[in-house]
N, C-alpha and C. Protein backbone atom coordinates (compact mmCIF):
# COMPACT_ATOMS: atom_id res chain seq x y z
N MET A 1 -14.36 76.60 100.61
CA MET A 1 -13.36 75.60 100.23
C MET A 1 -13.97 74.21 100.09
N GLN A 2 -14.89 73.88 100.99
CA GLN A 2 -15.55 72.59 100.93
C GLN A 2 -16.32 72.42 99.63
N THR A 3 -16.98 73.51 99.20
CA THR A 3 -17.75 73.46 97.95
C THR A 3 -16.84 73.20 96.77
N VAL A 4 -15.68 73.85 96.75
CA VAL A 4 -14.71 73.66 95.66
C VAL A 4 -14.25 72.20 95.62
N LEU A 5 -13.96 71.64 96.79
CA LEU A 5 -13.54 70.25 96.86
C LEU A 5 -14.62 69.30 96.34
N GLU A 6 -15.88 69.60 96.71
CA GLU A 6 -16.98 68.75 96.25
C GLU A 6 -17.11 68.81 94.73
N VAL A 7 -16.95 70.00 94.17
CA VAL A 7 -17.02 70.15 92.71
C VAL A 7 -15.91 69.34 92.05
N ILE A 8 -14.68 69.43 92.60
CA ILE A 8 -13.56 68.66 92.05
C ILE A 8 -13.83 67.16 92.15
N GLY A 9 -14.36 66.73 93.29
CA GLY A 9 -14.66 65.32 93.47
C GLY A 9 -15.70 64.81 92.48
N TRP A 10 -16.79 65.57 92.32
CA TRP A 10 -17.83 65.18 91.38
C TRP A 10 -17.32 65.21 89.93
N ALA A 11 -16.52 66.23 89.61
CA ALA A 11 -15.99 66.32 88.24
C ALA A 11 -15.11 65.12 87.93
N GLY A 12 -14.27 64.73 88.90
CA GLY A 12 -13.42 63.56 88.69
C GLY A 12 -14.23 62.29 88.49
N SER A 13 -15.25 62.10 89.32
CA SER A 13 -16.10 60.91 89.21
C SER A 13 -16.83 60.86 87.87
N LEU A 14 -17.37 62.01 87.46
CA LEU A 14 -18.11 62.06 86.19
C LEU A 14 -17.21 61.79 85.00
N LEU A 15 -15.97 62.31 85.05
CA LEU A 15 -15.04 62.07 83.95
C LEU A 15 -14.67 60.59 83.85
N VAL A 16 -14.47 59.95 84.99
CA VAL A 16 -14.13 58.52 84.98
C VAL A 16 -15.28 57.71 84.40
N VAL A 17 -16.50 58.02 84.83
CA VAL A 17 -17.67 57.31 84.31
C VAL A 17 -17.84 57.57 82.81
N ALA A 18 -17.71 58.83 82.40
CA ALA A 18 -17.87 59.18 80.98
C ALA A 18 -16.80 58.51 80.13
N SER A 19 -15.60 58.36 80.68
CA SER A 19 -14.52 57.73 79.91
C SER A 19 -14.85 56.30 79.56
N LEU A 20 -15.58 55.61 80.44
CA LEU A 20 -15.92 54.21 80.20
C LEU A 20 -16.93 54.05 79.07
N MET A 21 -17.53 55.16 78.64
CA MET A 21 -18.50 55.11 77.55
C MET A 21 -17.86 55.44 76.21
N GLN A 22 -16.54 55.70 76.19
CA GLN A 22 -15.86 56.09 74.96
C GLN A 22 -15.35 54.87 74.20
N ALA A 23 -15.63 54.82 72.92
CA ALA A 23 -15.13 53.72 72.09
C ALA A 23 -13.70 53.96 71.64
N ARG A 24 -13.33 55.23 71.47
CA ARG A 24 -11.99 55.55 70.98
C ARG A 24 -10.96 55.39 72.10
N VAL A 25 -9.87 54.71 71.78
CA VAL A 25 -8.86 54.39 72.78
C VAL A 25 -8.25 55.64 73.40
N LEU A 26 -7.80 56.58 72.56
CA LEU A 26 -7.14 57.77 73.09
C LEU A 26 -8.10 58.63 73.90
N ARG A 27 -9.30 58.80 73.41
CA ARG A 27 -10.28 59.61 74.14
C ARG A 27 -10.57 59.00 75.51
N PHE A 28 -10.72 57.67 75.54
CA PHE A 28 -10.94 56.99 76.82
C PHE A 28 -9.79 57.24 77.79
N ARG A 29 -8.55 57.08 77.32
CA ARG A 29 -7.40 57.22 78.20
C ARG A 29 -7.25 58.65 78.72
N TRP A 30 -7.45 59.66 77.86
CA TRP A 30 -7.30 61.05 78.31
C TRP A 30 -8.37 61.42 79.32
N MET A 31 -9.62 61.03 79.06
CA MET A 31 -10.70 61.35 79.99
C MET A 31 -10.52 60.62 81.31
N ASN A 32 -10.11 59.35 81.23
CA ASN A 32 -9.89 58.56 82.43
C ASN A 32 -8.74 59.15 83.25
N LEU A 33 -7.71 59.61 82.57
CA LEU A 33 -6.57 60.24 83.25
C LEU A 33 -7.00 61.51 83.98
N ALA A 34 -7.75 62.37 83.27
CA ALA A 34 -8.19 63.63 83.88
C ALA A 34 -9.06 63.35 85.11
N GLY A 35 -9.98 62.39 85.00
CA GLY A 35 -10.84 62.05 86.12
C GLY A 35 -10.05 61.48 87.29
N ALA A 36 -9.07 60.62 86.99
CA ALA A 36 -8.27 60.00 88.05
C ALA A 36 -7.42 61.04 88.77
N VAL A 37 -6.87 62.01 88.04
CA VAL A 37 -6.07 63.06 88.67
C VAL A 37 -6.93 63.88 89.63
N LEU A 38 -8.12 64.28 89.17
CA LEU A 38 -9.01 65.05 90.04
C LEU A 38 -9.44 64.23 91.26
N ALA A 39 -9.76 62.96 91.03
CA ALA A 39 -10.19 62.11 92.14
C ALA A 39 -9.06 61.87 93.14
N THR A 40 -7.84 61.77 92.63
CA THR A 40 -6.68 61.61 93.53
C THR A 40 -6.54 62.83 94.43
N GLY A 41 -6.62 64.02 93.83
CA GLY A 41 -6.51 65.25 94.61
C GLY A 41 -7.62 65.40 95.62
N TYR A 42 -8.84 65.07 95.20
CA TYR A 42 -10.00 65.20 96.10
C TYR A 42 -9.87 64.26 97.29
N ASN A 43 -9.57 62.98 97.02
CA ASN A 43 -9.49 62.00 98.10
C ASN A 43 -8.31 62.27 99.03
N ALA A 44 -7.21 62.79 98.49
CA ALA A 44 -6.07 63.16 99.34
C ALA A 44 -6.43 64.34 100.23
N ALA A 45 -7.20 65.31 99.67
CA ALA A 45 -7.56 66.50 100.43
C ALA A 45 -8.48 66.18 101.60
N ILE A 46 -9.34 65.17 101.43
CA ILE A 46 -10.28 64.84 102.52
C ILE A 46 -9.77 63.66 103.36
N GLY A 47 -8.56 63.17 103.01
CA GLY A 47 -7.94 62.13 103.82
C GLY A 47 -8.44 60.73 103.60
N VAL A 48 -9.07 60.46 102.46
CA VAL A 48 -9.50 59.09 102.15
C VAL A 48 -8.36 58.45 101.34
N TRP A 49 -7.37 57.92 102.05
CA TRP A 49 -6.14 57.51 101.41
C TRP A 49 -6.27 56.26 100.55
N GLN A 50 -7.20 55.38 100.90
CA GLN A 50 -7.38 54.18 100.07
C GLN A 50 -7.78 54.56 98.64
N PHE A 51 -8.77 55.48 98.52
CA PHE A 51 -9.23 55.89 97.19
C PHE A 51 -8.21 56.81 96.52
N ALA A 52 -7.47 57.57 97.31
CA ALA A 52 -6.42 58.41 96.74
C ALA A 52 -5.35 57.52 96.09
N PHE A 53 -4.97 56.44 96.80
CA PHE A 53 -3.97 55.52 96.26
C PHE A 53 -4.50 54.84 94.99
N MET A 54 -5.77 54.39 95.04
CA MET A 54 -6.35 53.70 93.88
C MET A 54 -6.34 54.60 92.65
N ASN A 55 -6.78 55.87 92.81
CA ASN A 55 -6.83 56.78 91.68
C ASN A 55 -5.44 57.22 91.22
N LEU A 56 -4.50 57.26 92.16
CA LEU A 56 -3.11 57.53 91.77
C LEU A 56 -2.57 56.40 90.91
N ALA A 57 -2.91 55.17 91.27
CA ALA A 57 -2.48 54.02 90.47
C ALA A 57 -3.10 54.07 89.08
N ILE A 58 -4.38 54.45 88.99
CA ILE A 58 -5.05 54.58 87.69
C ILE A 58 -4.37 55.67 86.86
N THR A 59 -3.98 56.76 87.52
CA THR A 59 -3.27 57.85 86.83
C THR A 59 -1.98 57.34 86.20
N VAL A 60 -1.20 56.60 86.99
CA VAL A 60 0.07 56.06 86.49
C VAL A 60 -0.17 55.10 85.32
N ILE A 61 -1.19 54.26 85.44
CA ILE A 61 -1.50 53.30 84.37
C ILE A 61 -1.91 54.04 83.10
N ASP A 62 -2.75 55.07 83.23
CA ASP A 62 -3.17 55.85 82.05
C ASP A 62 -1.99 56.54 81.39
N ILE A 63 -1.09 57.09 82.19
CA ILE A 63 0.10 57.75 81.63
C ILE A 63 0.96 56.75 80.86
N TYR A 64 1.10 55.55 81.43
CA TYR A 64 1.87 54.50 80.74
C TYR A 64 1.26 54.16 79.39
N TRP A 65 -0.06 53.93 79.37
CA TRP A 65 -0.70 53.53 78.12
C TRP A 65 -0.74 54.66 77.10
N LEU A 66 -0.91 55.89 77.56
CA LEU A 66 -0.88 57.02 76.63
C LEU A 66 0.49 57.16 75.99
N SER A 67 1.54 57.05 76.78
CA SER A 67 2.89 57.15 76.23
C SER A 67 3.15 56.02 75.23
N ARG A 68 2.65 54.83 75.55
CA ARG A 68 2.83 53.69 74.65
C ARG A 68 2.04 53.86 73.36
N LEU A 69 0.81 54.31 73.48
CA LEU A 69 -0.03 54.51 72.29
C LEU A 69 0.57 55.55 71.36
N TYR A 70 1.04 56.66 71.92
CA TYR A 70 1.65 57.69 71.08
C TYR A 70 2.97 57.22 70.49
N ARG A 71 3.72 56.42 71.23
CA ARG A 71 4.99 55.91 70.74
C ARG A 71 4.77 54.92 69.59
N GLU A 72 3.70 54.16 69.64
CA GLU A 72 3.47 53.10 68.66
C GLU A 72 2.62 53.52 67.47
N ARG A 73 2.03 54.71 67.53
CA ARG A 73 1.04 55.07 66.51
C ARG A 73 1.62 55.14 65.10
N HIS A 74 2.94 55.38 64.96
CA HIS A 74 3.58 55.42 63.64
C HIS A 74 4.61 54.30 63.48
N ASP A 75 4.50 53.28 64.31
CA ASP A 75 5.49 52.21 64.34
C ASP A 75 5.09 51.08 63.40
N ALA A 76 5.89 50.90 62.34
CA ALA A 76 5.59 49.85 61.36
C ALA A 76 5.79 48.45 61.93
N ALA A 77 6.45 48.35 63.08
CA ALA A 77 6.61 47.04 63.72
C ALA A 77 5.35 46.65 64.48
N VAL A 78 4.47 47.62 64.74
CA VAL A 78 3.23 47.36 65.48
C VAL A 78 2.07 47.15 64.52
N TYR A 79 2.02 47.93 63.43
CA TYR A 79 0.96 47.82 62.44
C TYR A 79 1.54 47.22 61.16
N GLN A 80 0.86 46.20 60.64
CA GLN A 80 1.28 45.60 59.38
C GLN A 80 0.18 45.73 58.33
N VAL A 81 0.58 45.61 57.05
CA VAL A 81 -0.35 45.71 55.94
C VAL A 81 -0.41 44.37 55.23
N LEU A 82 -1.62 43.85 55.07
CA LEU A 82 -1.81 42.56 54.41
C LEU A 82 -2.68 42.73 53.17
N PRO A 83 -2.15 42.47 51.97
CA PRO A 83 -3.00 42.46 50.77
C PRO A 83 -3.91 41.24 50.83
N VAL A 84 -5.19 41.43 50.52
CA VAL A 84 -6.14 40.31 50.54
C VAL A 84 -6.97 40.30 49.27
N ASP A 85 -7.34 39.11 48.84
CA ASP A 85 -8.18 38.96 47.65
C ASP A 85 -9.61 39.39 47.95
N ALA A 86 -10.33 39.77 46.90
CA ALA A 86 -11.71 40.25 47.07
C ALA A 86 -12.63 39.18 47.64
N ASP A 87 -12.33 37.91 47.37
CA ASP A 87 -13.20 36.84 47.86
C ASP A 87 -12.71 36.26 49.18
N ASN A 88 -11.76 36.92 49.83
CA ASN A 88 -11.26 36.46 51.12
C ASN A 88 -12.40 36.45 52.13
N ALA A 89 -12.59 35.32 52.80
CA ALA A 89 -13.73 35.15 53.70
C ALA A 89 -13.68 36.14 54.86
N PHE A 90 -12.49 36.36 55.41
CA PHE A 90 -12.40 37.30 56.54
C PHE A 90 -12.69 38.72 56.10
N LEU A 91 -12.20 39.11 54.92
CA LEU A 91 -12.48 40.45 54.39
C LEU A 91 -13.98 40.64 54.22
N ARG A 92 -14.65 39.66 53.63
CA ARG A 92 -16.09 39.75 53.42
C ARG A 92 -16.82 39.84 54.76
N HIS A 93 -16.36 39.10 55.74
CA HIS A 93 -16.97 39.16 57.07
C HIS A 93 -16.78 40.55 57.67
N LEU A 94 -15.59 41.11 57.55
CA LEU A 94 -15.29 42.44 58.09
C LEU A 94 -16.16 43.50 57.42
N LEU A 95 -16.30 43.42 56.11
CA LEU A 95 -17.13 44.37 55.38
C LEU A 95 -18.59 44.28 55.79
N GLU A 96 -19.05 43.06 56.04
CA GLU A 96 -20.45 42.87 56.42
C GLU A 96 -20.71 43.37 57.84
N VAL A 97 -19.81 43.04 58.77
CA VAL A 97 -19.99 43.45 60.16
C VAL A 97 -20.00 44.97 60.29
N HIS A 98 -19.14 45.64 59.51
CA HIS A 98 -19.00 47.09 59.63
C HIS A 98 -19.68 47.83 58.47
N ARG A 99 -20.62 47.17 57.83
CA ARG A 99 -21.30 47.75 56.66
C ARG A 99 -21.88 49.13 56.94
N ASP A 100 -22.59 49.28 58.05
CA ASP A 100 -23.26 50.55 58.36
C ASP A 100 -22.25 51.67 58.61
N ASP A 101 -21.19 51.35 59.36
CA ASP A 101 -20.18 52.37 59.65
C ASP A 101 -19.43 52.77 58.39
N ILE A 102 -19.13 51.81 57.52
CA ILE A 102 -18.46 52.11 56.26
C ILE A 102 -19.36 52.98 55.39
N ALA A 103 -20.65 52.64 55.34
CA ALA A 103 -21.59 53.42 54.54
C ALA A 103 -21.72 54.85 55.05
N LYS A 104 -21.58 55.02 56.36
CA LYS A 104 -21.69 56.35 56.94
C LYS A 104 -20.49 57.23 56.59
N HIS A 105 -19.30 56.62 56.55
CA HIS A 105 -18.09 57.39 56.28
C HIS A 105 -17.69 57.39 54.81
N ALA A 106 -18.14 56.40 54.06
CA ALA A 106 -17.82 56.34 52.63
C ALA A 106 -19.04 55.83 51.88
N PRO A 107 -20.10 56.65 51.78
CA PRO A 107 -21.36 56.20 51.16
C PRO A 107 -21.23 55.80 49.69
N TRP A 108 -20.16 56.25 49.04
CA TRP A 108 -19.96 55.93 47.63
C TRP A 108 -19.38 54.53 47.43
N PHE A 109 -18.88 53.91 48.50
CA PHE A 109 -18.19 52.64 48.37
C PHE A 109 -19.18 51.49 48.27
N ASP A 110 -19.01 50.64 47.26
CA ASP A 110 -19.89 49.49 47.05
C ASP A 110 -19.28 48.28 47.74
N VAL A 111 -19.82 47.96 48.90
CA VAL A 111 -19.29 46.85 49.69
C VAL A 111 -19.40 45.52 48.95
N THR A 112 -20.43 45.36 48.14
CA THR A 112 -20.70 44.07 47.50
C THR A 112 -19.95 43.88 46.19
N ALA A 113 -19.28 44.93 45.69
CA ALA A 113 -18.61 44.81 44.40
C ALA A 113 -17.47 43.82 44.47
N ASP A 114 -17.33 43.01 43.43
CA ASP A 114 -16.22 42.07 43.34
C ASP A 114 -15.01 42.78 42.72
N ALA A 115 -13.84 42.20 42.90
CA ALA A 115 -12.62 42.82 42.39
C ALA A 115 -12.69 43.01 40.88
N GLY A 116 -13.26 42.04 40.19
CA GLY A 116 -13.28 42.13 38.74
C GLY A 116 -14.35 43.05 38.19
N THR A 117 -15.27 43.48 39.03
CA THR A 117 -16.37 44.31 38.53
C THR A 117 -16.37 45.70 39.12
N ALA A 118 -15.38 46.01 39.98
CA ALA A 118 -15.30 47.36 40.54
C ALA A 118 -15.09 48.35 39.41
N ALA A 119 -15.77 49.49 39.47
CA ALA A 119 -15.69 50.48 38.40
C ALA A 119 -14.24 50.86 38.15
N GLY A 120 -13.84 50.86 36.86
CA GLY A 120 -12.50 51.27 36.50
C GLY A 120 -11.49 50.13 36.50
N GLY A 121 -11.89 48.93 36.82
CA GLY A 121 -10.96 47.81 36.79
C GLY A 121 -10.95 47.04 38.09
N SER A 122 -9.89 46.27 38.30
CA SER A 122 -9.82 45.41 39.47
C SER A 122 -9.57 46.22 40.73
N ARG A 123 -10.03 45.69 41.84
CA ARG A 123 -9.87 46.35 43.14
C ARG A 123 -8.84 45.60 43.97
N HIS A 124 -7.93 46.36 44.56
CA HIS A 124 -6.95 45.81 45.48
C HIS A 124 -7.30 46.27 46.88
N THR A 125 -7.37 45.32 47.81
CA THR A 125 -7.74 45.66 49.18
C THR A 125 -6.59 45.32 50.12
N PHE A 126 -6.29 46.25 51.03
CA PHE A 126 -5.20 46.08 51.98
C PHE A 126 -5.76 46.21 53.40
N LEU A 127 -5.56 45.19 54.21
CA LEU A 127 -5.97 45.24 55.61
C LEU A 127 -4.81 45.76 56.45
N VAL A 128 -5.11 46.68 57.36
CA VAL A 128 -4.13 47.14 58.34
C VAL A 128 -4.41 46.38 59.63
N VAL A 129 -3.43 45.64 60.12
CA VAL A 129 -3.63 44.82 61.30
C VAL A 129 -2.68 45.23 62.42
N ARG A 130 -3.18 45.09 63.64
CA ARG A 130 -2.36 45.29 64.84
C ARG A 130 -2.42 43.97 65.60
N GLY A 131 -1.32 43.25 65.57
CA GLY A 131 -1.36 41.90 66.13
C GLY A 131 -2.29 41.03 65.32
N ASP A 132 -3.29 40.45 66.00
CA ASP A 132 -4.25 39.60 65.29
C ASP A 132 -5.57 40.31 65.02
N GLU A 133 -5.60 41.65 65.17
CA GLU A 133 -6.83 42.39 64.95
C GLU A 133 -6.73 43.29 63.72
N ALA A 134 -7.72 43.19 62.84
CA ALA A 134 -7.80 44.10 61.70
C ALA A 134 -8.38 45.43 62.19
N VAL A 135 -7.62 46.51 62.04
CA VAL A 135 -8.07 47.81 62.56
C VAL A 135 -8.58 48.73 61.46
N GLY A 136 -8.29 48.40 60.20
CA GLY A 136 -8.75 49.25 59.12
C GLY A 136 -8.47 48.62 57.77
N MET A 137 -8.91 49.29 56.72
CA MET A 137 -8.66 48.78 55.38
C MET A 137 -8.62 49.92 54.38
N VAL A 138 -7.87 49.69 53.31
CA VAL A 138 -7.80 50.62 52.19
C VAL A 138 -8.08 49.83 50.93
N ALA A 139 -9.04 50.30 50.12
CA ALA A 139 -9.38 49.65 48.86
C ALA A 139 -9.04 50.59 47.71
N VAL A 140 -8.30 50.07 46.73
CA VAL A 140 -7.83 50.90 45.61
C VAL A 140 -8.24 50.23 44.30
N ALA A 141 -8.93 50.97 43.44
CA ALA A 141 -9.33 50.47 42.13
C ALA A 141 -8.25 50.81 41.12
N ASP A 142 -7.87 49.83 40.30
CA ASP A 142 -6.85 50.02 39.27
C ASP A 142 -7.50 50.66 38.05
N THR A 143 -7.14 51.91 37.76
CA THR A 143 -7.72 52.61 36.61
C THR A 143 -6.82 52.54 35.39
N GLY A 144 -5.70 51.82 35.50
CA GLY A 144 -4.80 51.66 34.37
C GLY A 144 -3.66 52.66 34.39
N GLY A 145 -2.57 52.33 33.70
CA GLY A 145 -1.44 53.23 33.60
C GLY A 145 -0.72 53.47 34.91
N GLY A 146 -0.84 52.53 35.84
CA GLY A 146 -0.17 52.68 37.13
C GLY A 146 -0.89 53.59 38.11
N VAL A 147 -2.10 54.03 37.75
CA VAL A 147 -2.87 54.94 38.61
C VAL A 147 -3.93 54.15 39.37
N GLY A 148 -3.98 54.37 40.68
CA GLY A 148 -4.99 53.74 41.50
C GLY A 148 -5.92 54.77 42.11
N ARG A 149 -7.21 54.48 42.11
CA ARG A 149 -8.19 55.38 42.72
C ARG A 149 -8.59 54.80 44.08
N VAL A 150 -8.30 55.54 45.15
CA VAL A 150 -8.64 55.09 46.50
C VAL A 150 -10.15 55.17 46.68
N GLU A 151 -10.79 54.03 46.81
CA GLU A 151 -12.24 53.97 46.98
C GLU A 151 -12.66 53.96 48.44
N LEU A 152 -11.77 53.45 49.30
CA LEU A 152 -12.10 53.34 50.72
C LEU A 152 -10.83 53.46 51.55
N ASP A 153 -10.89 54.27 52.57
CA ASP A 153 -9.83 54.35 53.58
C ASP A 153 -10.57 54.44 54.90
N TRP A 154 -10.76 53.28 55.53
CA TRP A 154 -11.64 53.18 56.70
C TRP A 154 -10.89 52.57 57.87
N VAL A 155 -11.24 53.00 59.10
CA VAL A 155 -10.63 52.46 60.31
C VAL A 155 -11.72 52.27 61.36
N LYS A 156 -11.56 51.26 62.20
CA LYS A 156 -12.51 51.03 63.28
C LYS A 156 -12.55 52.25 64.21
N GLU A 157 -13.70 52.46 64.84
CA GLU A 157 -13.85 53.62 65.71
C GLU A 157 -12.82 53.66 66.82
N ARG A 158 -12.46 52.51 67.39
CA ARG A 158 -11.48 52.47 68.48
C ARG A 158 -10.17 53.12 68.09
N PHE A 159 -9.79 53.00 66.81
CA PHE A 159 -8.49 53.49 66.36
C PHE A 159 -8.61 54.76 65.51
N ARG A 160 -9.76 55.42 65.60
CA ARG A 160 -9.99 56.56 64.71
C ARG A 160 -9.19 57.81 65.09
N ASP A 161 -8.58 57.82 66.27
CA ASP A 161 -7.70 58.92 66.64
C ASP A 161 -6.29 58.71 66.08
N PHE A 162 -6.08 57.55 65.46
CA PHE A 162 -4.79 57.26 64.84
C PHE A 162 -4.94 57.36 63.32
N THR A 163 -3.87 57.10 62.59
CA THR A 163 -3.93 57.16 61.12
C THR A 163 -3.37 55.87 60.52
N PRO A 164 -4.01 54.71 60.80
CA PRO A 164 -3.44 53.44 60.33
C PRO A 164 -3.36 53.33 58.81
N GLY A 165 -4.17 54.12 58.08
CA GLY A 165 -4.07 54.10 56.62
C GLY A 165 -2.70 54.50 56.12
N GLU A 166 -1.98 55.27 56.94
CA GLU A 166 -0.65 55.72 56.53
C GLU A 166 0.28 54.55 56.26
N PHE A 167 0.05 53.41 56.93
CA PHE A 167 0.94 52.28 56.74
C PHE A 167 0.77 51.66 55.35
N VAL A 168 -0.41 51.77 54.77
CA VAL A 168 -0.61 51.33 53.40
C VAL A 168 0.17 52.24 52.45
N TYR A 169 0.04 53.55 52.65
CA TYR A 169 0.70 54.50 51.76
C TYR A 169 2.21 54.50 51.93
N ARG A 170 2.68 54.21 53.15
CA ARG A 170 4.12 54.15 53.40
C ARG A 170 4.72 52.83 52.96
N GLU A 171 3.89 51.78 52.93
CA GLU A 171 4.37 50.46 52.52
C GLU A 171 4.43 50.42 51.00
N SER A 172 5.51 50.97 50.43
CA SER A 172 5.61 51.07 48.98
C SER A 172 5.57 49.71 48.30
N ASP A 173 6.07 48.67 49.00
CA ASP A 173 6.13 47.35 48.38
C ASP A 173 4.75 46.83 48.00
N VAL A 174 3.75 46.99 48.91
CA VAL A 174 2.43 46.43 48.60
C VAL A 174 1.78 47.19 47.45
N LEU A 175 1.99 48.49 47.40
CA LEU A 175 1.39 49.28 46.32
C LEU A 175 2.14 49.05 45.00
N ARG A 176 3.47 48.98 45.08
CA ARG A 176 4.27 48.72 43.89
C ARG A 176 3.95 47.33 43.33
N THR A 177 3.84 46.36 44.24
CA THR A 177 3.53 45.00 43.81
C THR A 177 2.17 44.94 43.11
N ALA A 178 1.25 45.79 43.57
CA ALA A 178 -0.08 45.85 42.94
C ALA A 178 -0.04 46.60 41.61
N GLY A 179 1.11 47.22 41.29
CA GLY A 179 1.25 47.89 40.00
C GLY A 179 0.97 49.37 40.00
N PHE A 180 0.94 50.01 41.19
CA PHE A 180 0.61 51.43 41.26
C PHE A 180 1.85 52.31 41.35
N ASP A 181 1.81 53.41 40.59
CA ASP A 181 2.83 54.46 40.68
C ASP A 181 2.26 55.73 41.29
N ARG A 182 0.93 55.84 41.27
CA ARG A 182 0.28 57.07 41.73
C ARG A 182 -1.11 56.73 42.26
N LEU A 183 -1.52 57.40 43.34
CA LEU A 183 -2.85 57.22 43.91
C LEU A 183 -3.63 58.52 43.79
N GLU A 184 -4.92 58.38 43.54
CA GLU A 184 -5.79 59.56 43.42
C GLU A 184 -7.06 59.35 44.23
N ILE A 185 -7.62 60.46 44.70
CA ILE A 185 -8.89 60.43 45.44
C ILE A 185 -9.75 61.58 44.93
N ALA A 186 -10.98 61.28 44.54
CA ALA A 186 -11.90 62.32 44.08
C ALA A 186 -12.39 63.13 45.28
N PRO A 187 -12.41 64.45 45.19
CA PRO A 187 -12.87 65.29 46.32
C PRO A 187 -14.32 64.98 46.67
N ARG A 188 -14.60 64.85 47.95
CA ARG A 188 -15.95 64.63 48.45
C ARG A 188 -16.09 65.33 49.78
N GLU A 189 -17.32 65.69 50.13
CA GLU A 189 -17.56 66.40 51.39
C GLU A 189 -17.15 65.56 52.60
N GLU A 190 -17.28 64.24 52.49
CA GLU A 190 -17.01 63.37 53.63
C GLU A 190 -15.52 63.19 53.91
N LEU A 191 -14.65 63.60 53.01
CA LEU A 191 -13.22 63.37 53.18
C LEU A 191 -12.64 64.22 54.31
N ASP A 192 -11.71 63.63 55.04
CA ASP A 192 -10.98 64.35 56.09
C ASP A 192 -9.73 64.95 55.44
N VAL A 193 -9.80 66.23 55.12
CA VAL A 193 -8.74 66.89 54.38
C VAL A 193 -7.43 66.89 55.17
N GLU A 194 -7.50 67.13 56.47
CA GLU A 194 -6.29 67.14 57.29
C GLU A 194 -5.60 65.78 57.29
N TYR A 195 -6.41 64.73 57.35
CA TYR A 195 -5.85 63.38 57.30
C TYR A 195 -5.15 63.14 55.97
N LEU A 196 -5.79 63.54 54.86
CA LEU A 196 -5.19 63.34 53.54
C LEU A 196 -3.83 64.03 53.44
N ARG A 197 -3.75 65.23 53.99
CA ARG A 197 -2.47 65.94 53.97
C ARG A 197 -1.42 65.21 54.81
N ARG A 198 -1.86 64.69 55.95
CA ARG A 198 -0.92 63.99 56.84
C ARG A 198 -0.32 62.75 56.19
N VAL A 199 -1.10 62.08 55.34
CA VAL A 199 -0.59 60.85 54.71
C VAL A 199 -0.02 61.12 53.32
N GLY A 200 0.19 62.40 52.99
CA GLY A 200 0.95 62.72 51.78
C GLY A 200 0.19 63.10 50.54
N PHE A 201 -1.15 63.26 50.63
CA PHE A 201 -1.92 63.68 49.46
C PHE A 201 -1.92 65.20 49.33
N THR A 202 -1.86 65.68 48.10
CA THR A 202 -2.00 67.11 47.81
C THR A 202 -2.96 67.26 46.63
N MET A 203 -3.53 68.43 46.48
CA MET A 203 -4.45 68.66 45.37
C MET A 203 -3.68 68.83 44.06
N HIS A 204 -4.05 68.05 43.05
CA HIS A 204 -3.50 68.17 41.71
C HIS A 204 -4.68 68.30 40.76
N GLY A 205 -4.90 69.50 40.25
CA GLY A 205 -6.06 69.70 39.40
C GLY A 205 -7.34 69.57 40.19
N ASP A 206 -8.18 68.62 39.80
CA ASP A 206 -9.48 68.47 40.45
C ASP A 206 -9.53 67.30 41.42
N ARG A 207 -8.36 66.77 41.81
CA ARG A 207 -8.38 65.63 42.73
C ARG A 207 -7.14 65.59 43.62
N TRP A 208 -7.30 64.82 44.72
CA TRP A 208 -6.17 64.60 45.61
C TRP A 208 -5.29 63.51 45.02
N ALA A 209 -3.97 63.67 45.14
CA ALA A 209 -3.07 62.67 44.56
C ALA A 209 -1.77 62.60 45.37
N ARG A 210 -1.14 61.45 45.30
CA ARG A 210 0.19 61.28 45.89
C ARG A 210 0.93 60.22 45.08
N PRO A 211 2.24 60.38 44.90
CA PRO A 211 3.00 59.34 44.21
C PRO A 211 3.22 58.16 45.15
N VAL A 212 3.42 57.00 44.56
CA VAL A 212 3.81 55.82 45.33
C VAL A 212 5.32 55.85 45.44
N ALA A 213 5.82 55.82 46.68
CA ALA A 213 7.27 55.94 46.89
C ALA A 213 8.03 54.85 46.16
N ALA A 214 9.18 55.24 45.62
CA ALA A 214 10.01 54.27 44.88
C ALA A 214 10.70 53.34 45.87
């Protein structure tokens, strides 16, 4: 029995430590919760009540934040969409700071291209913000006839367990104002097919497409 308790205690401690190394918000909270639950049980079993109480408090805090994160993940009152010009200083700064991560997830995207020189016409960029923090961006090239080609749908690693791009696709006003009736994405190995389906894209011929809501 003592050996089992020691294993539980070590597992809880290791999970808590490992959680602190996670960049993703949800992954951090779930790992921290699992570690805190194990640590609470271990410390209660051996009668170390101070640490049992501390880990119980951490458990309650993690449960609160997980419930809040899941409740807010599709809340348009929490995430907003801001159309920005190609020469916007903050947009350029964001693209430069995250250049390597963007290149890793969307190697075809030309970070340096200007709106007027993006292949197929002008580029419209939409920032997804949570409070005062930009958490992601969607860039759409205007190919004419109301059709937009999604060149980039990127989110910071912290929020990668969420789908903030959905707020761009659900915000019909910003897309309609930009002149789009339909969005298309060329198939690529790097694309997250499950994500595309979740935000309303389906295969039409040789590409992913979705209408812009009226």
